[in-house]
Amino acid sequence: MAEVRWLNSLEDALSRAKQEKKPVLLDFFNPG
């Protein structure tokens, strides 16, 4: 099974997704 490599920078993620022609998943977490 392939491993998911998460990125912490939205700018980096958008750039990589554009190059690979893939969507971006945004995960918003609010513990409160």
PDB file of N, CA and C in Angstrom:
ATOM      1  N   MET A   1       0.846  -1.178   0.000  1.00  0.00           N
ATOM      2  CA  MET A   1       0.000   0.000   0.000  1.00  0.00           C
ATOM      3  C   MET A   1       0.894   1.245   0.000  1.00  0.00           C
ATOM      4  N   ALA A   2       0.496   2.245  -0.744  1.00  0.00           N
ATOM      5  CA  ALA A   2       1.270   3.484  -0.850  1.00  0.00           C
ATOM      6  C   ALA A   2       1.107   4.326   0.413  1.00  0.00           C
ATOM      7  N   GLU A   3       2.154   5.050   0.747  1.00  0.00           N
ATOM      8  CA  GLU A   3       2.128   5.922   1.912  1.00  0.00           C
ATOM      9  C   GLU A   3       1.728   7.331   1.474  1.00  0.00           C
ATOM     10  N   VAL A   4       0.871   7.973   2.263  1.00  0.00           N
ATOM     11  CA  VAL A   4       0.469   9.354   1.979  1.00  0.00           C
ATOM     12  C   VAL A   4       1.530  10.282   2.549  1.00  0.00           C
ATOM     13  N   ARG A   5       2.039  11.162   1.722  1.00  0.00           N
ATOM     14  CA  ARG A   5       3.044  12.129   2.178  1.00  0.00           C
ATOM     15  C   ARG A   5       2.370  13.497   2.297  1.00  0.00           C
ATOM     16  N   TRP A   6       2.097  13.896   3.533  1.00  0.00           N
ATOM     17  CA  TRP A   6       1.424  15.157   3.792  1.00  0.00           C
ATOM     18  C   TRP A   6       2.405  16.311   3.691  1.00  0.00           C
ATOM     19  N   LEU A   7       1.925  17.436   3.200  1.00  0.00           N
ATOM     20  CA  LEU A   7       2.725  18.661   3.138  1.00  0.00           C
ATOM     21  C   LEU A   7       2.124  19.678   4.104  1.00  0.00           C
ATOM     22  N   ASN A   8       2.958  20.467   4.751  1.00  0.00           N
ATOM     23  CA  ASN A   8       2.483  21.466   5.709  1.00  0.00           C
ATOM     24  C   ASN A   8       2.283  22.840   5.089  1.00  0.00           C
ATOM     25  N   SER A   9       2.813  23.054   3.908  1.00  0.00           N
ATOM     26  CA  SER A   9       2.712  24.345   3.243  1.00  0.00           C
ATOM     27  C   SER A   9       1.660  24.275   2.130  1.00  0.00           C
ATOM     28  N   LEU A  10       0.644  25.124   2.220  1.00  0.00           N
ATOM     29  CA  LEU A  10      -0.392  25.155   1.187  1.00  0.00           C
ATOM     30  C   LEU A  10       0.210  25.528  -0.160  1.00  0.00           C
ATOM     31  N   GLU A  11       1.137  26.472  -0.152  1.00  0.00           N
ATOM     32  CA  GLU A  11       1.776  26.906  -1.397  1.00  0.00           C
ATOM     33  C   GLU A  11       2.503  25.734  -2.072  1.00  0.00           C
ATOM     34  N   ASP A  12       3.253  24.966  -1.287  1.00  0.00           N
ATOM     35  CA  ASP A  12       3.963  23.798  -1.824  1.00  0.00           C
ATOM     36  C   ASP A  12       2.979  22.749  -2.334  1.00  0.00           C
ATOM     37  N   ALA A  13       1.911  22.528  -1.572  1.00  0.00           N
ATOM     38  CA  ALA A  13       0.917  21.524  -1.950  1.00  0.00           C
ATOM     39  C   ALA A  13       0.217  21.903  -3.254  1.00  0.00           C
ATOM     40  N   LEU A  14      -0.150  23.165  -3.400  1.00  0.00           N
ATOM     41  CA  LEU A  14      -0.822  23.609  -4.620  1.00  0.00           C
ATOM     42  C   LEU A  14       0.100  23.498  -5.829  1.00  0.00           C
ATOM     43  N   SER A  15       1.360  23.846  -5.637  1.00  0.00           N
ATOM     44  CA  SER A  15       2.333  23.753  -6.721  1.00  0.00           C
ATOM     45  C   SER A  15       2.521  22.304  -7.160  1.00  0.00           C
ATOM     46  N   ARG A  16       2.671  21.418  -6.189  1.00  0.00           N
ATOM     47  CA  ARG A  16       2.870  19.998  -6.507  1.00  0.00           C
ATOM     48  C   ARG A  16       1.620  19.401  -7.158  1.00  0.00           C
ATOM     49  N   ALA A  17       0.450  19.750  -6.640  1.00  0.00           N
ATOM     50  CA  ALA A  17      -0.797  19.239  -7.204  1.00  0.00           C
ATOM     51  C   ALA A  17      -0.968  19.701  -8.648  1.00  0.00           C
ATOM     52  N   LYS A  18      -0.595  20.925  -8.925  1.00  0.00           N
ATOM     53  CA  LYS A  18      -0.699  21.448 -10.290  1.00  0.00           C
ATOM     54  C   LYS A  18       0.228  20.682 -11.225  1.00  0.00           C
ATOM     55  N   GLN A  19       1.458  20.407 -10.772  1.00  0.00           N
ATOM     56  CA  GLN A  19       2.419  19.661 -11.590  1.00  0.00           C
ATOM     57  C   GLN A  19       1.930  18.241 -11.870  1.00  0.00           C
ATOM     58  N   GLU A  20       1.335  17.602 -10.837  1.00  0.00           N
ATOM     59  CA  GLU A  20       0.904  16.208 -10.963  1.00  0.00           C
ATOM     60  C   GLU A  20      -0.545  16.079 -11.444  1.00  0.00           C
ATOM     61  N   LYS A  21      -1.207  17.245 -11.645  1.00  0.00           N
ATOM     62  CA  LYS A  21      -2.612  17.278 -12.071  1.00  0.00           C
ATOM     63  C   LYS A  21      -3.493  16.441 -11.139  1.00  0.00           C
ATOM     64  N   LYS A  22      -3.350  16.737  -9.844  1.00  0.00           N
ATOM     65  CA  LYS A  22      -4.105  16.033  -8.807  1.00  0.00           C
ATOM     66  C   LYS A  22      -4.795  17.058  -7.909  1.00  0.00           C
ATOM     67  N   PRO A  23      -5.876  16.652  -7.239  1.00  0.00           N
ATOM     68  CA  PRO A  23      -6.570  17.566  -6.327  1.00  0.00           C
ATOM     69  C   PRO A  23      -5.802  17.729  -5.012  1.00  0.00           C
ATOM     70  N   VAL A  24      -6.200  18.729  -4.233  1.00  0.00           N
ATOM     71  CA  VAL A  24      -5.600  18.996  -2.926  1.00  0.00           C
ATOM     72  C   VAL A  24      -6.665  18.773  -1.864  1.00  0.00           C
ATOM     73  N   LEU A  25      -6.304  18.060  -0.792  1.00  0.00           N
ATOM     74  CA  LEU A  25      -7.205  17.839   0.336  1.00  0.00           C
ATOM     75  C   LEU A  25      -6.815  18.796   1.453  1.00  0.00           C
ATOM     76  N   LEU A  26      -7.756  19.639   1.877  1.00  0.00           N
ATOM     77  CA  LEU A  26      -7.519  20.547   3.001  1.00  0.00           C
ATOM     78  C   LEU A  26      -8.195  19.960   4.226  1.00  0.00           C
ATOM     79  N   ASP A  27      -7.464  19.850   5.316  1.00  0.00           N
ATOM     80  CA  ASP A  27      -8.000  19.293   6.557  1.00  0.00           C
ATOM     81  C   ASP A  27      -7.947  20.371   7.631  1.00  0.00           C
ATOM     82  N   PHE A  28      -9.119  20.830   8.064  1.00  0.00           N
ATOM     83  CA  PHE A  28      -9.203  21.839   9.113  1.00  0.00           C
ATOM     84  C   PHE A  28      -9.540  21.143  10.420  1.00  0.00           C
ATOM     85  N   PHE A  29      -8.734  21.363  11.453  1.00  0.00           N
ATOM     86  CA  PHE A  29      -8.934  20.708  12.742  1.00  0.00           C
ATOM     87  C   PHE A  29      -9.128  21.755  13.818  1.00  0.00           C
ATOM     88  N   ASN A  30     -10.216  21.643  14.554  1.00  0.00           N
ATOM     89  CA  ASN A  30     -10.504  22.553  15.655  1.00  0.00           C
ATOM     90  C   ASN A  30     -10.844  21.712  16.881  1.00  0.00           C
ATOM     91  N   PRO A  31      -9.896  21.540  17.800  1.00  0.00           N
ATOM     92  CA  PRO A  31     -10.132  20.667  18.942  1.00  0.00           C
ATOM     93  C   PRO A  31     -11.130  21.225  19.953  1.00  0.00           C
ATOM     94  N   GLY A  32     -11.483  22.504  19.850  1.00  0.00           N
ATOM     95  CA  GLY A  32     -12.361  23.103  20.855  1.00  0.00           C
ATOM     96  C   GLY A  32     -13.714  23.153  20.395  1.00  0.00           C
TER      97      GLY A  32
END
